[in-house]
Amino acid sequence: MVAQMLKMHEAYIEVIALVEQLHRQFLDLVKLELDGQGIYDVSNVQALMLFNIGDAEMSIGDLILRGCYLGSNVSYNAKKLAENGYITHLRSPYDRRSVHVRLTEKGLELRARLQAMHHRHVELLNHTTMITADNLQAVAGTLRQFERFWNNVLQQSITAA
């Protein structure tokens, strides 16, 4: 029993480290893609934000919930994206504190380039690894379980406080 708990603990710590490492590597891939296309007026984190906005119009708060932008200020990045013509930045008519964003034509073009990068990566993954769609779905399911678990722990901590 103790050996099983130790094994679980080690795997838990490894998963946490891998998630962070994979996210950073993904941001490096996005940066390489931007540099390779001569796009220097947007950062990798800003490009990820654009991708997460997609065809929707959303508040900055919703954008924060959709993605992981470690070490970055989402409001600042949204302002820079607006200054560089990638998004429109509109204040809500009902709540002046709330800002809504939407991609411009330039933003949609960059999002399409990022989508093409994802398609290339999926093709490479399919041809160079043994990873299948079922494997990816299983990983995503496990990560969703982690998300639910951590949300529950957070809620219990907030309730207990």
N, C-alpha and C. Protein backbone atom coordinates (compact mmCIF):
# COMPACT_ATOMS: atom_id res chain seq x y z
N MET A 1 0.83 -1.20 0.00
CA MET A 1 0.00 0.00 0.00
C MET A 1 0.87 1.26 0.00
N VAL A 2 1.90 1.29 0.84
CA VAL A 2 2.79 2.45 0.91
C VAL A 2 3.54 2.62 -0.40
N ALA A 3 3.97 1.49 -0.97
CA ALA A 3 4.69 1.54 -2.26
C ALA A 3 3.79 2.11 -3.36
N GLN A 4 2.51 1.72 -3.35
CA GLN A 4 1.56 2.21 -4.35
C GLN A 4 1.34 3.72 -4.20
N MET A 5 1.23 4.20 -2.97
CA MET A 5 1.04 5.63 -2.73
C MET A 5 2.28 6.42 -3.15
N LEU A 6 3.47 5.87 -2.89
CA LEU A 6 4.71 6.52 -3.30
C LEU A 6 4.78 6.61 -4.82
N LYS A 7 4.40 5.54 -5.49
CA LYS A 7 4.38 5.51 -6.96
C LYS A 7 3.39 6.56 -7.49
N MET A 8 2.22 6.65 -6.88
CA MET A 8 1.21 7.62 -7.28
C MET A 8 1.72 9.04 -7.06
N HIS A 9 2.37 9.27 -5.93
CA HIS A 9 2.92 10.59 -5.64
C HIS A 9 3.95 11.00 -6.68
N GLU A 10 4.86 10.11 -7.01
CA GLU A 10 5.89 10.40 -8.01
C GLU A 10 5.28 10.68 -9.38
N ALA A 11 4.28 9.89 -9.77
CA ALA A 11 3.61 10.10 -11.06
C ALA A 11 2.86 11.43 -11.07
N TYR A 12 2.23 11.78 -9.95
CA TYR A 12 1.50 13.04 -9.83
C TYR A 12 2.45 14.22 -10.05
N ILE A 13 3.59 14.20 -9.39
CA ILE A 13 4.58 15.28 -9.52
C ILE A 13 5.12 15.32 -10.96
N GLU A 14 5.34 14.17 -11.56
CA GLU A 14 5.83 14.12 -12.94
C GLU A 14 4.82 14.73 -13.90
N VAL A 15 3.54 14.43 -13.72
CA VAL A 15 2.50 14.98 -14.59
C VAL A 15 2.47 16.50 -14.49
N ILE A 16 2.54 17.03 -13.28
CA ILE A 16 2.54 18.48 -13.09
C ILE A 16 3.72 19.11 -13.84
N ALA A 17 4.89 18.55 -13.69
CA ALA A 17 6.08 19.07 -14.37
C ALA A 17 5.96 18.95 -15.88
N LEU A 18 5.43 17.84 -16.36
CA LEU A 18 5.28 17.64 -17.81
C LEU A 18 4.30 18.63 -18.43
N VAL A 19 3.20 18.88 -17.74
CA VAL A 19 2.21 19.83 -18.28
C VAL A 19 2.86 21.20 -18.46
N GLU A 20 3.59 21.65 -17.46
CA GLU A 20 4.26 22.94 -17.56
C GLU A 20 5.30 22.93 -18.68
N GLN A 21 6.12 21.89 -18.73
CA GLN A 21 7.16 21.79 -19.75
C GLN A 21 6.56 21.74 -21.16
N LEU A 22 5.50 20.98 -21.34
CA LEU A 22 4.85 20.89 -22.65
C LEU A 22 4.28 22.24 -23.08
N HIS A 23 3.70 22.95 -22.14
CA HIS A 23 3.15 24.27 -22.46
C HIS A 23 4.26 25.21 -22.93
N ARG A 24 5.38 25.21 -22.23
CA ARG A 24 6.51 26.07 -22.62
C ARG A 24 7.06 25.66 -23.98
N GLN A 25 7.16 24.35 -24.24
CA GLN A 25 7.63 23.89 -25.55
C GLN A 25 6.67 24.30 -26.66
N PHE A 26 5.37 24.22 -26.36
CA PHE A 26 4.39 24.65 -27.36
C PHE A 26 4.56 26.13 -27.67
N LEU A 27 4.77 26.95 -26.64
CA LEU A 27 5.00 28.38 -26.88
C LEU A 27 6.26 28.59 -27.72
N ASP A 28 7.29 27.78 -27.51
CA ASP A 28 8.50 27.85 -28.35
C ASP A 28 8.18 27.52 -29.79
N LEU A 29 7.33 26.52 -30.02
CA LEU A 29 6.93 26.17 -31.39
C LEU A 29 6.17 27.31 -32.06
N VAL A 30 5.29 27.95 -31.30
CA VAL A 30 4.54 29.09 -31.84
C VAL A 30 5.51 30.21 -32.20
N LYS A 31 6.49 30.48 -31.34
CA LYS A 31 7.49 31.52 -31.62
C LYS A 31 8.27 31.20 -32.89
N LEU A 32 8.68 29.94 -33.06
CA LEU A 32 9.38 29.53 -34.29
C LEU A 32 8.51 29.75 -35.52
N GLU A 33 7.24 29.44 -35.40
CA GLU A 33 6.30 29.63 -36.51
C GLU A 33 6.18 31.11 -36.87
N LEU A 34 6.04 31.95 -35.86
CA LEU A 34 5.94 33.40 -36.10
C LEU A 34 7.21 33.92 -36.75
N ASP A 35 8.37 33.55 -36.20
CA ASP A 35 9.64 34.00 -36.76
C ASP A 35 9.83 33.51 -38.19
N GLY A 36 9.45 32.25 -38.43
CA GLY A 36 9.59 31.67 -39.76
C GLY A 36 8.73 32.37 -40.80
N GLN A 37 7.67 33.00 -40.36
CA GLN A 37 6.78 33.71 -41.28
C GLN A 37 7.04 35.21 -41.26
N GLY A 38 8.09 35.63 -40.56
CA GLY A 38 8.45 37.04 -40.52
C GLY A 38 7.46 37.89 -39.74
N ILE A 39 6.79 37.30 -38.77
CA ILE A 39 5.81 38.03 -37.96
C ILE A 39 6.48 38.37 -36.63
N TYR A 40 6.78 39.65 -36.45
CA TYR A 40 7.52 40.08 -35.26
C TYR A 40 6.74 41.04 -34.37
N ASP A 41 5.52 41.40 -34.79
CA ASP A 41 4.75 42.37 -34.01
C ASP A 41 3.76 41.71 -33.04
N VAL A 42 3.90 40.40 -32.87
CA VAL A 42 3.04 39.66 -31.94
C VAL A 42 3.90 38.60 -31.25
N SER A 43 3.70 38.44 -29.97
CA SER A 43 4.46 37.43 -29.22
C SER A 43 3.77 36.07 -29.32
N ASN A 44 4.46 35.04 -28.87
CA ASN A 44 3.86 33.71 -28.89
C ASN A 44 2.62 33.65 -27.98
N VAL A 45 2.68 34.30 -26.83
CA VAL A 45 1.53 34.31 -25.92
C VAL A 45 0.37 35.08 -26.56
N GLN A 46 0.66 36.19 -27.21
CA GLN A 46 -0.39 36.95 -27.89
C GLN A 46 -1.00 36.12 -29.03
N ALA A 47 -0.17 35.37 -29.75
CA ALA A 47 -0.68 34.51 -30.82
C ALA A 47 -1.60 33.44 -30.24
N LEU A 48 -1.24 32.89 -29.08
CA LEU A 48 -2.09 31.90 -28.43
C LEU A 48 -3.42 32.53 -28.03
N MET A 49 -3.38 33.75 -27.56
CA MET A 49 -4.61 34.46 -27.22
C MET A 49 -5.49 34.62 -28.47
N LEU A 50 -4.88 35.03 -29.59
CA LEU A 50 -5.63 35.16 -30.84
C LEU A 50 -6.29 33.85 -31.21
N PHE A 51 -5.53 32.78 -31.11
CA PHE A 51 -6.06 31.48 -31.47
C PHE A 51 -7.27 31.14 -30.60
N ASN A 52 -7.17 31.45 -29.31
CA ASN A 52 -8.26 31.13 -28.39
C ASN A 52 -9.49 32.00 -28.58
N ILE A 53 -9.31 33.20 -29.10
CA ILE A 53 -10.47 34.06 -29.40
C ILE A 53 -11.26 33.45 -30.56
N GLY A 54 -10.55 33.01 -31.59
CA GLY A 54 -11.21 32.38 -32.74
C GLY A 54 -12.21 33.31 -33.40
N ASP A 55 -13.37 32.78 -33.72
CA ASP A 55 -14.42 33.56 -34.39
C ASP A 55 -15.35 34.26 -33.41
N ALA A 56 -15.08 34.11 -32.13
CA ALA A 56 -15.98 34.63 -31.11
C ALA A 56 -15.68 36.09 -30.76
N GLU A 57 -16.63 36.70 -30.10
CA GLU A 57 -16.41 37.97 -29.41
C GLU A 57 -16.53 37.62 -27.94
N MET A 58 -15.55 38.03 -27.16
CA MET A 58 -15.57 37.65 -25.75
C MET A 58 -14.96 38.73 -24.89
N SER A 59 -15.25 38.62 -23.61
CA SER A 59 -14.66 39.54 -22.64
C SER A 59 -13.25 39.09 -22.32
N ILE A 60 -12.47 39.99 -21.76
CA ILE A 60 -11.11 39.64 -21.33
C ILE A 60 -11.19 38.52 -20.29
N GLY A 61 -12.17 38.57 -19.41
CA GLY A 61 -12.35 37.52 -18.41
C GLY A 61 -12.58 36.15 -19.04
N ASP A 62 -13.41 36.10 -20.07
CA ASP A 62 -13.65 34.84 -20.77
C ASP A 62 -12.38 34.35 -21.45
N LEU A 63 -11.62 35.27 -22.00
CA LEU A 63 -10.36 34.91 -22.66
C LEU A 63 -9.39 34.30 -21.66
N ILE A 64 -9.33 34.86 -20.47
CA ILE A 64 -8.46 34.32 -19.42
C ILE A 64 -8.87 32.89 -19.09
N LEU A 65 -10.18 32.63 -19.03
CA LEU A 65 -10.66 31.28 -18.72
C LEU A 65 -10.36 30.28 -19.82
N ARG A 66 -10.23 30.74 -21.06
CA ARG A 66 -10.01 29.85 -22.20
C ARG A 66 -8.57 29.40 -22.38
N GLY A 67 -7.62 30.08 -21.77
CA GLY A 67 -6.24 29.73 -22.06
C GLY A 67 -5.31 29.88 -20.89
N CYS A 68 -4.10 29.50 -21.13
CA CYS A 68 -3.04 29.57 -20.13
C CYS A 68 -1.99 30.55 -20.62
N TYR A 69 -1.89 31.67 -19.98
CA TYR A 69 -0.95 32.72 -20.40
C TYR A 69 -0.02 33.02 -19.24
N LEU A 70 0.77 32.02 -18.85
CA LEU A 70 1.63 32.14 -17.68
C LEU A 70 2.55 33.34 -17.76
N GLY A 71 2.64 34.07 -16.68
CA GLY A 71 3.57 35.17 -16.59
C GLY A 71 3.24 36.34 -17.49
N SER A 72 2.00 36.43 -17.93
CA SER A 72 1.66 37.54 -18.81
C SER A 72 0.40 38.25 -18.32
N ASN A 73 0.29 39.50 -18.68
CA ASN A 73 -0.85 40.31 -18.33
C ASN A 73 -1.78 40.31 -19.53
N VAL A 74 -2.93 39.67 -19.41
CA VAL A 74 -3.85 39.51 -20.54
C VAL A 74 -4.36 40.87 -21.03
N SER A 75 -4.66 41.78 -20.13
CA SER A 75 -5.15 43.10 -20.54
C SER A 75 -4.08 43.84 -21.34
N TYR A 76 -2.84 43.79 -20.88
CA TYR A 76 -1.73 44.43 -21.60
C TYR A 76 -1.57 43.81 -22.99
N ASN A 77 -1.59 42.49 -23.06
CA ASN A 77 -1.43 41.82 -24.34
C ASN A 77 -2.59 42.13 -25.29
N ALA A 78 -3.79 42.21 -24.75
CA ALA A 78 -4.94 42.57 -25.58
C ALA A 78 -4.77 43.99 -26.13
N LYS A 79 -4.27 44.89 -25.31
CA LYS A 79 -4.02 46.27 -25.76
C LYS A 79 -3.01 46.27 -26.90
N LYS A 80 -1.92 45.49 -26.76
CA LYS A 80 -0.89 45.41 -27.81
C LYS A 80 -1.46 44.80 -29.09
N LEU A 81 -2.29 43.78 -28.94
CA LEU A 81 -2.91 43.17 -30.12
C LEU A 81 -3.81 44.16 -30.84
N ALA A 82 -4.50 44.99 -30.09
CA ALA A 82 -5.35 46.01 -30.69
C ALA A 82 -4.50 47.07 -31.39
N GLU A 83 -3.42 47.50 -30.73
CA GLU A 83 -2.52 48.49 -31.33
C GLU A 83 -1.91 48.01 -32.64
N ASN A 84 -1.65 46.70 -32.73
CA ASN A 84 -1.04 46.13 -33.92
C ASN A 84 -2.06 45.64 -34.94
N GLY A 85 -3.34 45.89 -34.67
CA GLY A 85 -4.38 45.61 -35.66
C GLY A 85 -4.88 44.18 -35.72
N TYR A 86 -4.62 43.38 -34.68
CA TYR A 86 -5.05 41.98 -34.69
C TYR A 86 -6.43 41.78 -34.09
N ILE A 87 -6.83 42.67 -33.17
CA ILE A 87 -8.15 42.56 -32.55
C ILE A 87 -8.78 43.95 -32.46
N THR A 88 -10.08 43.94 -32.34
CA THR A 88 -10.80 45.16 -31.97
C THR A 88 -11.09 45.03 -30.48
N HIS A 89 -11.10 46.13 -29.83
CA HIS A 89 -11.14 46.25 -28.38
C HIS A 89 -12.36 47.11 -28.08
N LEU A 90 -13.47 46.57 -27.62
CA LEU A 90 -14.68 47.35 -27.41
C LEU A 90 -15.13 47.28 -25.96
N ARG A 91 -15.49 48.42 -25.40
CA ARG A 91 -16.03 48.46 -24.04
C ARG A 91 -17.50 48.05 -24.11
N SER A 92 -17.93 47.30 -23.13
CA SER A 92 -19.33 46.89 -23.06
C SER A 92 -20.19 48.13 -22.82
N PRO A 93 -21.30 48.24 -23.55
CA PRO A 93 -22.20 49.39 -23.31
C PRO A 93 -22.91 49.30 -21.96
N TYR A 94 -22.94 48.10 -21.37
CA TYR A 94 -23.64 47.88 -20.11
C TYR A 94 -22.73 48.00 -18.89
N ASP A 95 -21.46 47.68 -19.08
CA ASP A 95 -20.51 47.74 -17.98
C ASP A 95 -19.20 48.29 -18.54
N ARG A 96 -18.91 49.54 -18.29
CA ARG A 96 -17.75 50.21 -18.88
C ARG A 96 -16.42 49.59 -18.44
N ARG A 97 -16.44 48.80 -17.37
CA ARG A 97 -15.22 48.13 -16.93
C ARG A 97 -14.92 46.90 -17.78
N SER A 98 -15.93 46.36 -18.45
CA SER A 98 -15.79 45.14 -19.23
C SER A 98 -15.36 45.46 -20.66
N VAL A 99 -14.31 44.79 -21.11
CA VAL A 99 -13.80 44.98 -22.47
C VAL A 99 -14.04 43.70 -23.25
N HIS A 100 -14.59 43.84 -24.45
CA HIS A 100 -14.80 42.69 -25.33
C HIS A 100 -13.83 42.79 -26.50
N VAL A 101 -13.36 41.63 -26.96
CA VAL A 101 -12.41 41.59 -28.06
C VAL A 101 -12.94 40.69 -29.17
N ARG A 102 -12.51 40.99 -30.38
CA ARG A 102 -12.85 40.21 -31.57
C ARG A 102 -11.68 40.34 -32.53
N LEU A 103 -11.41 39.28 -33.29
CA LEU A 103 -10.32 39.32 -34.26
C LEU A 103 -10.68 40.21 -35.45
N THR A 104 -9.69 40.94 -35.93
CA THR A 104 -9.83 41.69 -37.17
C THR A 104 -9.46 40.75 -38.32
N GLU A 105 -9.50 41.25 -39.52
CA GLU A 105 -9.08 40.45 -40.68
C GLU A 105 -7.63 40.00 -40.51
N LYS A 106 -6.77 40.89 -40.04
CA LYS A 106 -5.36 40.55 -39.80
C LYS A 106 -5.25 39.46 -38.73
N GLY A 107 -6.06 39.55 -37.69
CA GLY A 107 -6.07 38.53 -36.64
C GLY A 107 -6.57 37.19 -37.16
N LEU A 108 -7.59 37.22 -37.99
CA LEU A 108 -8.12 35.98 -38.58
C LEU A 108 -7.09 35.32 -39.48
N GLU A 109 -6.32 36.13 -40.22
CA GLU A 109 -5.27 35.58 -41.09
C GLU A 109 -4.19 34.89 -40.25
N LEU A 110 -3.78 35.51 -39.15
CA LEU A 110 -2.78 34.89 -38.30
C LEU A 110 -3.34 33.62 -37.65
N ARG A 111 -4.58 33.66 -37.24
CA ARG A 111 -5.20 32.47 -36.66
C ARG A 111 -5.22 31.32 -37.66
N ALA A 112 -5.50 31.63 -38.91
CA ALA A 112 -5.49 30.60 -39.95
C ALA A 112 -4.08 30.00 -40.12
N ARG A 113 -3.06 30.84 -40.01
CA ARG A 113 -1.68 30.34 -40.09
C ARG A 113 -1.36 29.41 -38.92
N LEU A 114 -1.85 29.78 -37.74
CA LEU A 114 -1.64 28.93 -36.57
C LEU A 114 -2.41 27.62 -36.70
N GLN A 115 -3.60 27.69 -37.27
CA GLN A 115 -4.39 26.47 -37.51
C GLN A 115 -3.64 25.56 -38.48
N ALA A 116 -3.01 26.15 -39.51
CA ALA A 116 -2.22 25.36 -40.46
C ALA A 116 -1.03 24.71 -39.75
N MET A 117 -0.42 25.42 -38.81
CA MET A 117 0.68 24.85 -38.03
C MET A 117 0.18 23.63 -37.25
N HIS A 118 -1.00 23.74 -36.63
CA HIS A 118 -1.56 22.61 -35.89
C HIS A 118 -1.79 21.42 -36.83
N HIS A 119 -2.30 21.67 -38.02
CA HIS A 119 -2.54 20.59 -38.97
C HIS A 119 -1.22 19.91 -39.36
N ARG A 120 -0.18 20.71 -39.58
CA ARG A 120 1.14 20.13 -39.89
C ARG A 120 1.64 19.27 -38.74
N HIS A 121 1.45 19.76 -37.52
CA HIS A 121 1.91 19.00 -36.35
C HIS A 121 1.14 17.68 -36.22
N VAL A 122 -0.15 17.71 -36.47
CA VAL A 122 -0.95 16.49 -36.40
C VAL A 122 -0.48 15.49 -37.47
N GLU A 123 -0.20 15.98 -38.66
CA GLU A 123 0.31 15.11 -39.72
C GLU A 123 1.64 14.49 -39.31
N LEU A 124 2.55 15.30 -38.78
CA LEU A 124 3.84 14.78 -38.31
C LEU A 124 3.65 13.76 -37.19
N LEU A 125 2.78 14.07 -36.26
CA LEU A 125 2.49 13.18 -35.15
C LEU A 125 1.98 11.84 -35.68
N ASN A 126 1.11 11.91 -36.64
CA ASN A 126 0.51 10.71 -37.23
C ASN A 126 1.55 9.86 -37.97
N HIS A 127 2.50 10.50 -38.64
CA HIS A 127 3.45 9.78 -39.46
C HIS A 127 4.75 9.40 -38.74
N THR A 128 5.04 10.04 -37.62
CA THR A 128 6.34 9.81 -36.99
C THR A 128 6.25 9.20 -35.59
N THR A 129 5.04 9.00 -35.07
CA THR A 129 4.90 8.42 -33.73
C THR A 129 3.84 7.32 -33.77
N MET A 130 3.72 6.66 -32.68
CA MET A 130 2.69 5.63 -32.52
C MET A 130 1.47 6.20 -31.79
N ILE A 131 1.44 7.51 -31.60
CA ILE A 131 0.33 8.16 -30.90
C ILE A 131 -0.88 8.18 -31.82
N THR A 132 -2.01 7.75 -31.27
CA THR A 132 -3.26 7.71 -32.03
C THR A 132 -4.24 8.75 -31.50
N ALA A 133 -5.32 8.93 -32.22
CA ALA A 133 -6.39 9.83 -31.75
C ALA A 133 -6.94 9.33 -30.42
N ASP A 134 -7.06 8.02 -30.27
CA ASP A 134 -7.54 7.46 -29.00
C ASP A 134 -6.59 7.79 -27.85
N ASN A 135 -5.27 7.72 -28.12
CA ASN A 135 -4.29 8.08 -27.09
C ASN A 135 -4.47 9.53 -26.67
N LEU A 136 -4.61 10.41 -27.65
CA LEU A 136 -4.78 11.85 -27.34
C LEU A 136 -6.06 12.09 -26.57
N GLN A 137 -7.13 11.41 -26.94
CA GLN A 137 -8.39 11.57 -26.22
C GLN A 137 -8.28 11.06 -24.79
N ALA A 138 -7.54 9.99 -24.59
CA ALA A 138 -7.34 9.47 -23.23
C ALA A 138 -6.54 10.46 -22.38
N VAL A 139 -5.50 11.05 -22.96
CA VAL A 139 -4.70 12.05 -22.23
C VAL A 139 -5.58 13.25 -21.89
N ALA A 140 -6.35 13.72 -22.86
CA ALA A 140 -7.24 14.87 -22.61
C ALA A 140 -8.25 14.54 -21.52
N GLY A 141 -8.78 13.34 -21.53
CA GLY A 141 -9.73 12.93 -20.49
C GLY A 141 -9.09 12.92 -19.11
N THR A 142 -7.88 12.41 -19.03
CA THR A 142 -7.16 12.39 -17.76
C THR A 142 -6.88 13.81 -17.27
N LEU A 143 -6.47 14.69 -18.18
CA LEU A 143 -6.20 16.08 -17.79
C LEU A 143 -7.48 16.79 -17.36
N ARG A 144 -8.60 16.47 -17.99
CA ARG A 144 -9.88 17.05 -17.55
C ARG A 144 -10.23 16.57 -16.13
N GLN A 145 -9.91 15.30 -15.83
CA GLN A 145 -10.13 14.80 -14.47
C GLN A 145 -9.27 15.55 -13.47
N PHE A 146 -8.00 15.83 -13.84
CA PHE A 146 -7.13 16.64 -12.99
C PHE A 146 -7.75 18.01 -12.76
N GLU A 147 -8.24 18.62 -13.84
CA GLU A 147 -8.85 19.95 -13.73
C GLU A 147 -10.02 19.93 -12.75
N ARG A 148 -10.88 18.95 -12.88
CA ARG A 148 -12.03 18.83 -11.97
C ARG A 148 -11.57 18.61 -10.53
N PHE A 149 -10.57 17.75 -10.35
CA PHE A 149 -10.04 17.47 -9.01
C PHE A 149 -9.50 18.75 -8.38
N TRP A 150 -8.64 19.48 -9.13
CA TRP A 150 -8.06 20.70 -8.58
C TRP A 150 -9.12 21.76 -8.33
N ASN A 151 -10.11 21.86 -9.20
CA ASN A 151 -11.22 22.80 -8.96
C ASN A 151 -11.95 22.45 -7.67
N ASN A 152 -12.18 21.16 -7.44
CA ASN A 152 -12.85 20.73 -6.21
C ASN A 152 -12.01 21.07 -4.99
N VAL A 153 -10.70 20.81 -5.06
CA VAL A 153 -9.82 21.14 -3.94
C VAL A 153 -9.85 22.64 -3.67
N LEU A 154 -9.79 23.44 -4.73
CA LEU A 154 -9.84 24.90 -4.57
C LEU A 154 -11.14 25.33 -3.92
N GLN A 155 -12.26 24.78 -4.39
CA GLN A 155 -13.56 25.14 -3.83
C GLN A 155 -13.66 24.76 -2.36
N GLN A 156 -13.15 23.58 -2.01
CA GLN A 156 -13.16 23.15 -0.61
C GLN A 156 -12.28 24.08 0.26
N SER A 157 -11.16 24.51 -0.31
CA SER A 157 -10.27 25.41 0.44
C SER A 157 -10.94 26.75 0.66
N ILE A 158 -11.61 27.25 -0.36
CA ILE A 158 -12.31 28.54 -0.25
C ILE A 158 -13.45 28.44 0.76
N THR A 159 -14.18 27.34 0.71
CA THR A 159 -15.31 27.13 1.62
C THR A 159 -14.83 27.01 3.07
N ALA A 160 -13.68 26.34 3.25
CA ALA A 160 -13.13 26.14 4.59
C ALA A 160 -12.55 27.42 5.19
N ALA A 161 -12.18 28.35 4.32
CA ALA A 161 -11.52 29.58 4.80
C ALA A 161 -12.46 30.57 5.42
